[in-house]
C-alpha atoms as a PDB file:
ATOM      1  CA  MET A   1      15.420 -41.039  -1.695  1.00  0.00           C
ATOM      2  CA  ARG A   2      17.092 -39.809  -4.864  1.00  0.00           C
ATOM      3  CA  PRO A   3      16.632 -36.065  -4.104  1.00  0.00           C
ATOM      4  CA  LEU A   4      18.090 -36.533  -0.620  1.00  0.00           C
ATOM      5  CA  ARG A   5      21.051 -38.439  -2.030  1.00  0.00           C
ATOM      6  CA  GLN A   6      21.613 -35.752  -4.662  1.00  0.00           C
ATOM      7  CA  ALA A   7      21.454 -33.009  -2.021  1.00  0.00           C
ATOM      8  CA  LEU A   8      24.015 -34.898   0.052  1.00  0.00           C
ATOM      9  CA  GLY A   9      26.236 -35.233  -3.014  1.00  0.00           C
ATOM     10  CA  TRP A  10      26.018 -31.510  -3.734  1.00  0.00           C
ATOM     11  CA  ALA A  11      26.753 -30.590  -0.111  1.00  0.00           C
ATOM     12  CA  LEU A  12      29.748 -32.913   0.251  1.00  0.00           C
ATOM     13  CA  SER A  13      31.237 -32.111  -3.131  1.00  0.00           C
ATOM     14  CA  ALA A  14      30.788 -28.385  -2.467  1.00  0.00           C
ATOM     15  CA  HIS A  15      32.782 -28.809   0.751  1.00  0.00           C
ATOM     16  CA  LEU A  16      35.497 -30.634  -1.177  1.00  0.00           C
ATOM     17  CA  SER A  17      35.567 -27.917  -3.828  1.00  0.00           C
ATOM     18  CA  LEU A  18      36.614 -25.482  -1.099  1.00  0.00           C
ATOM     19  CA  VAL A  19      39.793 -27.461  -0.447  1.00  0.00           C
ATOM     20  CA  LYS A  20      40.413 -29.328  -3.722  1.00  0.00           C
ATOM     21  CA  ASP A  21      40.337 -28.282  -7.353  1.00  0.00           C
ATOM     22  CA  LYS A  22      37.108 -30.153  -8.037  1.00  0.00           C
ATOM     23  CA  ALA A  23      33.778 -28.863  -9.271  1.00  0.00           C
ATOM     24  CA  PRO A  24      30.755 -29.690  -7.103  1.00  0.00           C
ATOM     25  CA  GLY A  25      28.071 -32.002  -8.417  1.00  0.00           C
ATOM     26  CA  GLU A  26      25.384 -34.424  -7.343  1.00  0.00           C
ATOM     27  CA  GLU A  27      27.638 -37.500  -7.301  1.00  0.00           C
ATOM     28  CA  LEU A  28      28.699 -38.512  -3.810  1.00  0.00           C
ATOM     29  CA  PRO A  29      32.446 -38.328  -3.281  1.00  0.00           C
ATOM     30  CA  ALA A  30      34.125 -41.488  -2.018  1.00  0.00           C
ATOM     31  CA  PRO A  31      34.006 -41.903   1.761  1.00  0.00           C
ATOM     32  CA  ARG A  32      37.810 -41.927   1.921  1.00  0.00           C
ATOM     33  CA  TRP A  33      37.944 -38.481   0.278  1.00  0.00           C
ATOM     34  CA  VAL A  34      35.433 -37.186   2.794  1.00  0.00           C
ATOM     35  CA  GLU A  35      37.482 -38.624   5.648  1.00  0.00           C
ATOM     36  CA  ALA A  36      40.859 -37.436   4.366  1.00  0.00           C
ATOM     37  CA  GLU A  37      39.891 -33.952   3.232  1.00  0.00           C
ATOM     38  CA  LEU A  38      37.012 -32.992   5.517  1.00  0.00           C
ATOM     39  CA  VAL A  39      36.845 -35.074   8.699  1.00  0.00           C
ATOM     40  CA  ALA A  40      40.536 -35.681   9.553  1.00  0.00           C
ATOM     41  CA  PRO A  41      41.504 -31.974   9.206  1.00  0.00           C
ATOM     42  CA  GLY A  42      38.504 -30.996  11.358  1.00  0.00           C
ATOM     43  CA  ARG A  43      36.475 -29.261   8.650  1.00  0.00           C
ATOM     44  CA  ILE A  44      33.495 -31.473   9.460  1.00  0.00           C
ATOM     45  CA  PRO A  45      32.931 -32.722  13.030  1.00  0.00           C
ATOM     46  CA  THR A  46      33.104 -36.497  13.468  1.00  0.00           C
ATOM     47  CA  ASP A  47      29.565 -36.700  14.864  1.00  0.00           C
ATOM     48  CA  LEU A  48      28.217 -34.949  11.761  1.00  0.00           C
ATOM     49  CA  ALA A  49      30.331 -37.227   9.550  1.00  0.00           C
ATOM     50  CA  ALA A  50      28.738 -40.254  11.222  1.00  0.00           C
ATOM     51  CA  ARG A  51      25.256 -38.903  10.517  1.00  0.00           C
ATOM     52  CA  VAL A  52      26.275 -38.132   6.921  1.00  0.00           C
ATOM     53  CA  ASP A  53      27.413 -41.765   6.552  1.00  0.00           C
ATOM     54  CA  ARG A  54      24.042 -42.914   7.855  1.00  0.00           C
ATOM     55  CA  VAL A  55      22.232 -40.743   5.288  1.00  0.00           C
ATOM     56  CA  ARG A  56      24.551 -42.075   2.568  1.00  0.00           C
ATOM     57  CA  ALA A  57      23.823 -45.684   3.535  1.00  0.00           C
ATOM     58  CA  LEU A  58      20.074 -45.312   3.977  1.00  0.00           C
ATOM     59  CA  THR A  59      19.491 -43.382   0.754  1.00  0.00           C
ATOM     60  CA  ALA A  60      21.481 -45.785  -1.419  1.00  0.00           C
ATOM     61  CA  PRO A  61      19.412 -47.334  -4.196  1.00  0.00           C
ATOM     62  CA  SER A  62      18.654 -51.024  -3.974  1.00  0.00           C
ATOM     63  CA  ALA A  63      21.103 -53.228  -5.829  1.00  0.00           C
ATOM     64  CA  GLU A  64      19.923 -54.822  -9.049  1.00  0.00           C
ATOM     65  CA  GLY A  65      17.925 -57.934  -8.255  1.00  0.00           C
ATOM     66  CA  GLU A  66      17.580 -56.910  -4.619  1.00  0.00           C
ATOM     67  CA  GLU A  67      14.153 -56.476  -3.064  1.00  0.00           C
ATOM     68  CA  GLU A  68      13.059 -52.825  -2.923  1.00  0.00           C
ATOM     69  CA  SER A  69      13.773 -51.357   0.509  1.00  0.00           C
ATOM     70  CA  PRO A  70      10.923 -49.851   2.501  1.00  0.00           C
ATOM     71  CA  PRO A  71      10.770 -46.065   2.635  1.00  0.00           C
ATOM     72  CA  PRO A  72      12.089 -44.316   5.735  1.00  0.00           C
ATOM     73  CA  THR A  73       9.750 -43.051   8.390  1.00  0.00           C
ATOM     74  CA  VAL A  74       8.831 -39.393   8.328  1.00  0.00           C
ATOM     75  CA  GLU A  75      11.019 -38.851  11.384  1.00  0.00           C
ATOM     76  CA  ALA A  76      14.002 -40.536   9.696  1.00  0.00           C
ATOM     77  CA  ALA A  77      13.528 -38.463   6.526  1.00  0.00           C
ATOM     78  CA  GLN A  78      13.364 -35.292   8.618  1.00  0.00           C
ATOM     79  CA  GLY A  79      16.614 -36.367  10.286  1.00  0.00           C
ATOM     80  CA  PHE A  80      18.229 -36.869   6.870  1.00  0.00           C
ATOM     81  CA  ILE A  81      17.168 -33.367   5.841  1.00  0.00           C
ATOM     82  CA  ALA A  82      18.432 -31.882   9.114  1.00  0.00           C
ATOM     83  CA  THR A  83      21.802 -33.591   8.632  1.00  0.00           C
ATOM     84  CA  ILE A  84      22.163 -32.235   5.106  1.00  0.00           C
ATOM     85  CA  GLN A  85      21.161 -28.757   6.288  1.00  0.00           C
ATOM     86  CA  GLU A  86      23.729 -28.912   9.088  1.00  0.00           C
ATOM     87  CA  LEU A  87      26.381 -29.951   6.559  1.00  0.00           C
ATOM     88  CA  ILE A  88      25.472 -26.932   4.426  1.00  0.00           C
ATOM     89  CA  ASP A  89      25.613 -24.656   7.483  1.00  0.00           C
ATOM     90  CA  VAL A  90      29.078 -25.955   8.416  1.00  0.00           C
ATOM     91  CA  GLY A  91      30.179 -25.172   4.863  1.00  0.00           C
ATOM     92  CA  ARG A  92      28.859 -21.633   5.135  1.00  0.00           C
ATOM     93  CA  GLU A  93      30.713 -21.188   8.416  1.00  0.00           C
ATOM     94  CA  LEU A  94      33.919 -22.467   6.811  1.00  0.00           C
ATOM     95  CA  VAL A  95      33.544 -20.039   3.900  1.00  0.00           C
ATOM     96  CA  ALA A  96      32.971 -17.120   6.282  1.00  0.00           C
ATOM     97  CA  LYS A  97      35.830 -18.134   8.584  1.00  0.00           C
ATOM     98  CA  GLU A  98      38.356 -18.695   5.804  1.00  0.00           C
ATOM     99  CA  GLY A  99      37.116 -15.797   3.667  1.00  0.00           C
ATOM    100  CA  LEU A 100      36.656 -18.047   0.654  1.00  0.00           C
END
């Protein structure tokens, strides 16, 4: 799950770097930043944002002392990858549209 979570972090933070003076990285930005800077202004569609939240939640590491979560199904993992790819594609479209 770690590589998927890192990819999501890179994709979201790269989107934020287009609108904020912030370097992209693998750390996931806070959900409120994503909402305020990407979803509310319409840079990311709300349906995609909901799927991104699902990927965020389901790729989170288990808390210390918590039982290890079962791995996702192959279909779920493919859905996570498709969501991250769509997020990247939306970013590319934004760059092309805005000439960034």
